[in-house]
Protein backbone atom coordinates (compact mmCIF):
# COMPACT_ATOMS: atom_id res chain seq x y z
CA MET A 1 34.92 22.41 -8.70
CA THR A 2 37.69 24.85 -9.63
CA ASP A 3 36.61 27.81 -11.77
CA ARG A 4 39.07 27.48 -14.63
CA LEU A 5 38.24 30.97 -15.94
CA ALA A 6 38.96 32.71 -12.63
CA GLY A 7 41.75 35.22 -13.12
CA VAL A 8 41.98 34.65 -16.90
CA SER A 9 40.37 37.95 -17.90
CA PRO A 10 42.53 40.09 -15.51
CA PHE A 11 45.62 38.22 -16.73
CA VAL A 12 44.84 38.92 -20.40
CA HIS A 13 44.01 42.56 -19.66
CA ALA A 14 47.28 42.96 -17.75
CA VAL A 15 49.27 41.58 -20.67
CA GLN A 16 47.49 43.74 -23.22
CA ALA A 17 47.62 46.90 -21.07
CA GLY A 18 51.24 46.45 -20.11
CA SER A 19 50.59 47.03 -16.41
CA PHE A 20 48.34 45.95 -13.57
CA ALA A 21 47.31 49.54 -12.93
CA LEU A 22 46.10 50.20 -16.47
CA ALA A 23 44.38 46.80 -16.58
CA ALA A 24 42.56 47.67 -13.34
CA GLU A 25 41.45 50.99 -14.81
CA ARG A 26 40.09 49.32 -17.96
CA MET A 27 38.26 46.68 -15.94
CA HIS A 28 36.95 49.21 -13.37
CA LEU A 29 38.70 47.35 -10.55
CA THR A 30 41.39 48.30 -8.05
CA ARG A 31 45.01 47.49 -8.79
CA SER A 32 45.02 45.30 -5.70
CA ALA A 33 42.05 43.25 -6.96
CA VAL A 34 43.79 42.62 -10.28
CA GLY A 35 47.05 41.67 -8.58
CA LYS A 36 45.34 39.26 -6.15
CA SER A 37 43.34 37.65 -8.97
CA ILE A 38 46.49 37.00 -11.00
CA ALA A 39 48.36 35.76 -7.91
CA ARG A 40 45.59 33.19 -7.21
CA LEU A 41 45.76 32.14 -10.89
CA GLU A 42 49.51 31.60 -10.63
CA GLU A 43 49.02 29.61 -7.44
CA ARG A 44 46.42 27.39 -9.10
CA LEU A 45 48.64 26.85 -12.16
CA GLY A 46 51.73 26.28 -10.05
CA THR A 47 53.91 28.67 -12.03
CA ARG A 48 54.78 32.35 -12.35
CA LEU A 49 53.22 34.14 -15.32
CA PHE A 50 55.02 37.48 -14.96
CA HIS A 51 58.52 38.70 -14.23
CA ARG A 52 57.84 41.67 -11.93
CA THR A 53 60.11 44.54 -10.94
CA THR A 54 59.29 47.91 -9.41
CA ARG A 55 59.50 49.51 -12.84
CA SER A 56 58.24 46.87 -15.31
CA GLN A 57 56.54 43.54 -15.86
CA SER A 58 57.03 40.94 -18.59
CA LEU A 59 55.75 37.50 -19.34
CA THR A 60 57.64 34.39 -18.38
CA ALA A 61 57.93 31.56 -20.93
CA ASP A 62 54.98 29.82 -19.23
CA GLY A 63 53.11 33.11 -19.21
CA GLN A 64 53.58 33.55 -22.96
CA ALA A 65 52.35 30.02 -23.70
CA PHE A 66 49.35 30.40 -21.36
CA TYR A 67 48.47 33.81 -22.77
CA ALA A 68 48.19 32.37 -26.34
CA HIS A 69 45.70 29.77 -25.09
CA CYS A 70 43.74 32.31 -23.06
CA VAL A 71 43.34 34.65 -26.06
CA ARG A 72 41.92 31.80 -28.17
CA ALA A 73 39.58 30.67 -25.39
CA LEU A 74 38.22 34.19 -24.81
CA ALA A 75 37.74 34.62 -28.56
CA GLU A 76 35.65 31.43 -28.65
CA LEU A 77 33.56 32.63 -25.71
CA GLU A 78 33.00 35.98 -27.44
CA ALA A 79 31.97 34.16 -30.63
CA GLY A 80 29.53 32.07 -28.63
CA GLU A 81 28.02 35.14 -27.01
CA THR A 82 27.73 36.79 -30.42
CA THR A 83 25.97 33.74 -31.81
CA LEU A 84 23.50 33.67 -28.90
CA ALA A 85 22.85 37.38 -29.22
CA ALA A 86 22.25 36.96 -32.95
CA SER A 87 19.79 34.14 -32.29
CA ARG A 88 17.70 36.51 -30.21
CA ARG A 89 17.64 39.23 -32.86
CA GLU A 90 14.87 39.44 -35.39
CA PRO A 91 15.90 38.10 -38.84
CA GLN A 92 16.51 40.96 -41.20
CA GLY A 93 18.17 41.74 -44.53
CA ARG A 94 18.10 40.07 -47.92
CA LEU A 95 17.83 36.30 -48.21
CA HIS A 96 18.49 34.98 -51.75
CA VAL A 97 17.31 31.41 -52.33
CA SER A 98 17.64 29.35 -55.53
CA VAL A 99 15.17 26.49 -56.05
CA PRO A 100 14.09 24.05 -58.80
CA VAL A 101 11.23 25.58 -60.79
CA LEU A 102 8.25 23.36 -59.91
CA PHE A 103 9.36 22.06 -56.52
CA GLY A 104 10.33 25.58 -55.57
CA ARG A 105 7.03 27.08 -56.65
CA ARG A 106 4.87 24.36 -55.07
CA CYS A 107 6.80 23.46 -51.93
CA VAL A 108 9.54 25.97 -51.02
CA ALA A 109 8.02 29.36 -51.83
CA PRO A 110 4.92 28.98 -49.60
CA ARG A 111 7.06 28.14 -46.58
CA LEU A 112 9.45 31.07 -47.15
CA LEU A 113 6.56 33.43 -47.70
CA GLU A 114 5.16 32.36 -44.32
CA LEU A 115 8.59 33.12 -42.83
CA ALA A 116 8.68 36.56 -44.46
CA ALA A 117 5.21 37.33 -43.12
CA ARG A 118 6.39 36.44 -39.62
CA TYR A 119 9.49 38.64 -39.88
CA PRO A 120 8.70 41.97 -41.58
CA ARG A 121 12.36 43.02 -41.72
CA LEU A 122 13.31 39.95 -43.77
CA GLU A 123 13.75 40.61 -47.51
CA LEU A 124 13.12 37.54 -49.69
CA GLN A 125 14.55 37.01 -53.17
CA MET A 126 13.93 33.67 -54.97
CA SER A 127 15.42 32.38 -58.21
CA PHE A 128 13.53 29.56 -59.93
CA THR A 129 15.80 27.48 -62.16
CA ASP A 130 16.60 23.80 -62.80
CA ARG A 131 20.24 24.48 -63.65
CA VAL A 132 23.11 24.09 -61.17
CA VAL A 133 23.88 27.53 -59.73
CA GLU A 134 27.13 28.88 -58.26
CA LEU A 135 26.36 30.27 -54.80
CA VAL A 136 29.36 32.55 -54.44
CA ASP A 137 29.44 33.89 -58.01
CA GLU A 138 25.67 34.52 -58.09
CA GLY A 139 25.30 35.89 -54.57
CA ILE A 140 22.95 33.10 -53.42
CA ASP A 141 22.55 32.30 -49.72
CA LEU A 142 20.64 29.02 -49.87
CA VAL A 143 19.97 26.52 -52.64
CA VAL A 144 17.61 23.56 -52.87
CA ARG A 145 19.18 21.12 -55.30
CA SER A 146 18.33 17.69 -56.64
CA GLY A 147 20.99 15.04 -57.18
CA GLY A 148 24.32 14.47 -55.45
CA MET A 149 26.33 17.20 -53.73
CA ARG A 150 29.98 16.94 -54.76
CA GLU A 151 30.77 20.56 -53.89
CA THR A 152 30.65 20.20 -50.11
CA SER A 153 34.44 20.02 -50.01
CA ALA A 154 34.64 23.37 -51.84
CA GLY A 155 33.22 25.54 -49.09
CA LEU A 156 29.59 24.37 -49.04
CA VAL A 157 27.54 22.69 -46.33
CA ALA A 158 24.78 20.34 -47.50
CA ARG A 159 21.81 18.94 -45.59
CA LYS A 160 19.91 16.02 -47.13
CA LEU A 161 16.17 16.69 -47.13
CA GLY A 162 15.12 13.29 -48.43
CA GLU A 163 14.60 11.63 -51.78
CA GLN A 164 12.23 12.50 -54.59
CA THR A 165 10.57 9.17 -55.38
CA MET A 166 9.04 8.75 -58.83
CA VAL A 167 5.86 6.77 -59.48
CA LEU A 168 4.09 5.59 -62.63
CA CYS A 169 0.48 6.62 -62.89
CA ALA A 170 -2.36 6.86 -65.40
CA ALA A 171 -6.01 7.91 -65.57
CA PRO A 172 -8.67 5.26 -64.79
CA ASP A 173 -10.06 5.81 -68.31
CA TYR A 174 -6.69 5.02 -69.94
CA LEU A 175 -6.26 1.81 -67.91
CA ALA A 176 -9.82 0.76 -68.70
CA ARG A 177 -9.08 1.08 -72.42
CA HIS A 178 -5.58 -0.35 -72.53
CA GLY A 179 -5.31 -2.57 -69.47
CA THR A 180 -3.16 -2.26 -66.37
CA PRO A 181 0.49 -3.37 -66.68
CA GLN A 182 1.34 -6.25 -64.36
CA CYS A 183 5.13 -6.16 -64.81
CA VAL A 184 7.80 -3.92 -66.28
CA ALA A 185 7.80 -5.84 -69.56
CA ASP A 186 4.11 -4.98 -70.06
CA LEU A 187 5.03 -1.30 -70.45
CA ALA A 188 6.20 -2.03 -74.00
CA GLU A 189 2.52 -2.29 -75.00
CA HIS A 190 1.61 1.11 -73.61
CA HIS A 191 1.93 4.76 -74.57
CA ALA A 192 3.49 7.32 -72.27
CA VAL A 193 3.49 11.02 -71.62
CA VAL A 194 7.21 11.71 -71.28
CA TYR A 195 9.37 14.45 -69.88
CA ALA A 196 11.76 15.84 -72.50
CA SER A 197 14.30 18.60 -72.04
CA GLY A 198 15.81 19.76 -75.32
CA LYS A 199 16.12 17.12 -78.03
CA ARG A 200 16.62 14.17 -75.70
CA ASP A 201 13.85 12.20 -74.02
CA ALA A 202 14.61 11.18 -70.45
CA PRO A 203 14.39 7.34 -70.17
CA TRP A 204 12.55 5.70 -67.30
CA HIS A 205 14.66 3.93 -64.68
CA LEU A 206 12.74 1.13 -62.96
CA PHE A 207 13.33 -2.02 -60.94
CA ASP A 208 11.43 -5.17 -61.92
CA HIS A 209 9.92 -7.66 -59.46
CA ALA A 210 13.30 -9.38 -59.12
CA GLY A 211 15.03 -6.12 -58.27
CA LYS A 212 16.82 -5.86 -61.63
CA ALA A 213 17.31 -2.31 -62.93
CA HIS A 214 15.85 -1.35 -66.31
CA GLU A 215 16.18 1.76 -68.49
CA ILE A 216 13.09 2.02 -70.65
CA ALA A 217 12.38 4.25 -73.64
CA MET A 218 8.58 4.40 -73.82
CA LYS A 219 6.43 4.81 -76.92
CA HIS A 220 4.83 8.21 -76.85
CA ARG A 221 2.87 10.81 -78.73
CA PHE A 222 3.27 13.51 -76.08
CA ARG A 223 6.49 14.99 -74.74
CA PHE A 224 6.66 18.06 -72.50
CA ASP A 225 9.32 19.83 -70.48
CA ASP A 226 6.77 20.78 -67.81
CA LEU A 227 5.67 18.31 -65.15
CA GLU A 228 2.37 20.05 -64.40
CA THR A 229 1.38 19.70 -68.07
CA ILE A 230 2.30 16.00 -67.91
CA VAL A 231 0.00 15.61 -64.89
CA GLU A 232 -2.90 17.20 -66.76
CA ALA A 233 -2.27 15.16 -69.91
CA SER A 234 -2.19 11.97 -67.87
CA LYS A 235 -5.44 12.86 -66.12
CA ALA A 236 -6.96 13.37 -69.56
CA GLY A 237 -6.05 9.79 -70.52
CA ALA A 238 -3.07 10.50 -72.81
CA GLY A 239 -0.93 7.70 -71.36
CA ILE A 240 1.18 6.53 -68.45
CA ALA A 241 3.42 9.12 -66.83
CA ARG A 242 6.38 8.94 -64.45
CA LEU A 243 6.06 11.72 -61.89
CA PRO A 244 7.22 12.68 -58.37
CA CYS A 245 5.10 11.21 -55.59
CA TRP A 246 4.67 14.60 -53.93
CA LEU A 247 3.27 16.05 -57.16
CA VAL A 248 0.63 13.34 -57.74
CA ALA A 249 -0.34 12.71 -54.12
CA GLU A 250 -3.54 14.74 -54.45
CA PRO A 251 -4.79 13.40 -57.86
CA VAL A 252 -4.04 9.86 -56.62
CA ARG A 253 -5.98 10.56 -53.42
CA THR A 254 -8.99 11.78 -55.36
CA GLY A 255 -8.81 8.94 -57.90
CA ALA A 256 -8.00 11.18 -60.88
CA LEU A 257 -4.83 9.11 -61.30
CA ILE A 258 -4.03 5.51 -60.39
CA LYS A 259 -0.56 4.25 -59.53
CA VAL A 260 0.86 1.69 -61.93
CA LEU A 261 3.39 -0.94 -60.79
CA PRO A 262 3.88 0.77 -57.40
CA GLU A 263 6.02 -2.16 -56.21
CA THR A 264 8.68 -1.48 -58.88
CA PRO A 265 9.86 2.10 -58.27
CA GLY A 266 13.07 3.41 -59.71
CA PRO A 267 15.94 4.89 -57.70
CA GLY A 268 15.08 7.98 -55.70
CA ILE A 269 16.63 11.36 -56.48
CA GLU A 270 18.32 12.95 -53.49
CA MET A 271 17.27 16.49 -52.54
CA HIS A 272 19.62 18.74 -50.59
CA LEU A 273 19.63 22.14 -48.96
CA ALA A 274 23.05 23.77 -49.30
CA TRP A 275 24.74 26.98 -48.17
CA ARG A 276 28.21 28.48 -47.99
CA ARG A 277 30.32 27.37 -45.04
CA THR A 278 30.62 30.27 -42.57
CA ARG A 279 31.79 30.63 -38.99
CA HIS A 280 28.97 32.92 -37.92
CA MET A 281 25.62 32.28 -39.65
CA PRO A 282 23.25 35.28 -39.96
CA THR A 283 19.93 34.87 -38.19
CA ARG A 284 18.00 35.12 -41.44
CA MET A 285 19.90 32.07 -42.73
CA ARG A 286 19.39 30.07 -39.58
CA VAL A 287 15.63 30.57 -39.41
CA ALA A 288 15.24 29.78 -43.13
CA ILE A 289 17.27 26.58 -42.85
CA ASP A 290 15.32 25.49 -39.75
CA ALA A 291 12.00 26.18 -41.46
CA LEU A 292 12.86 24.29 -44.65
CA VAL A 293 14.42 21.33 -42.82
CA ALA A 294 11.26 21.06 -40.68
CA HIS A 295 8.95 21.29 -43.72
CA LEU A 296 10.43 19.77 -46.89
CA PRO A 297 11.20 16.17 -45.78
CA ALA A 298 7.50 15.59 -45.10
CA ILE A 299 6.63 16.97 -48.55
CA LEU A 300 9.11 14.61 -50.23
CA ALA A 301 7.66 11.69 -48.29
CA LEU A 302 4.10 12.37 -49.53
CA GLY A 303 2.62 9.37 -51.25
CA THR A 304 5.64 7.11 -50.76
CA GLU A 305 4.19 4.89 -48.04
CA ASN A 306 2.46 2.55 -50.44
CA GLU A 307 5.57 2.18 -52.55
CA ARG A 308 7.65 1.27 -49.52
CA SER A 309 5.03 -1.22 -48.34
CA ALA A 310 4.63 -2.79 -51.77
CA ALA A 311 8.38 -2.99 -52.30
CA SER A 312 8.82 -4.63 -48.88
CA THR A 313 6.10 -7.15 -49.71
CA THR A 314 7.74 -7.97 -53.04
CA LYS A 315 11.14 -8.48 -51.39
CA ALA A 316 9.57 -10.73 -48.76
CA SER A 317 7.80 -12.77 -51.46
CA ARG A 318 11.07 -13.20 -53.37
CA LYS A 319 12.80 -14.41 -50.17
CA LEU A 320 10.05 -16.92 -49.44
CA HIS A 321 10.28 -18.18 -53.00
CA ALA A 322 14.06 -18.51 -52.72
CA ASP A 323 13.66 -20.42 -49.45
CA GLY A 324 11.25 -22.81 -51.16
CA VAL A 325 8.18 -21.75 -49.22
């Protein structure tokens, strides 16, 4: 197989130096070696690259066109070598990450702290906020964000981590006193512990057994803008709550909370990891992205298996019913 790069570097050096002799000096070769290398390159290409006289040399038209391609190719090779060299260097410098308050505290911060412990020269700065941040204006390297990512066309790269699935749950004591809802319509007879930000209560979005979407405003005595408080109030029997599966996986496992209508979940909320588009990514960014991509999807999937199974069973039952079985 022909070595397509053979002679390219001497050719580029000869153009940039203005002479074979100076190119040979810069490359620590003999003038003869440079001349022979370029001659073999011309033979392989089937064209002359230089006009040569005893006093000067200049590029032919083919030589000018080939030189432009060679410069770009060598630049790409240099960028590749730089990237590989960077990958072998220890991550260092400041890494500024913005995360949602609760998900960031519970799920993101522990992983990044492990990363910082592994790399002592890595400086970690985290901002905990539920608002949409501007990466460039606020000097943020990485952001974990819920919801859609419309900004990817404006210089951002986004990686979907999964979906935050919500589940209804209540304490065994509450269900013993008030009964367990058997369908979405039964929720009208129950009290809820709701999430409220500002003056507006967030309605519940659910699918019924037929797959129809519903937006429900629940009766409630308790409204909080903190999900951990809602978990504790629900465990105390204050009412039914709608919470992320990853947050209630442990209380459900221990029986402190029981899932309600698991076969009728609402739409999931997409979670993304995003960063500014850049040609050469710093090592600290690469290792952080790799760590979060390896860790967070499993966290988001916690406790969702039963919902998927129940939803699949419900869909299958509806199909059998439609087929007259």
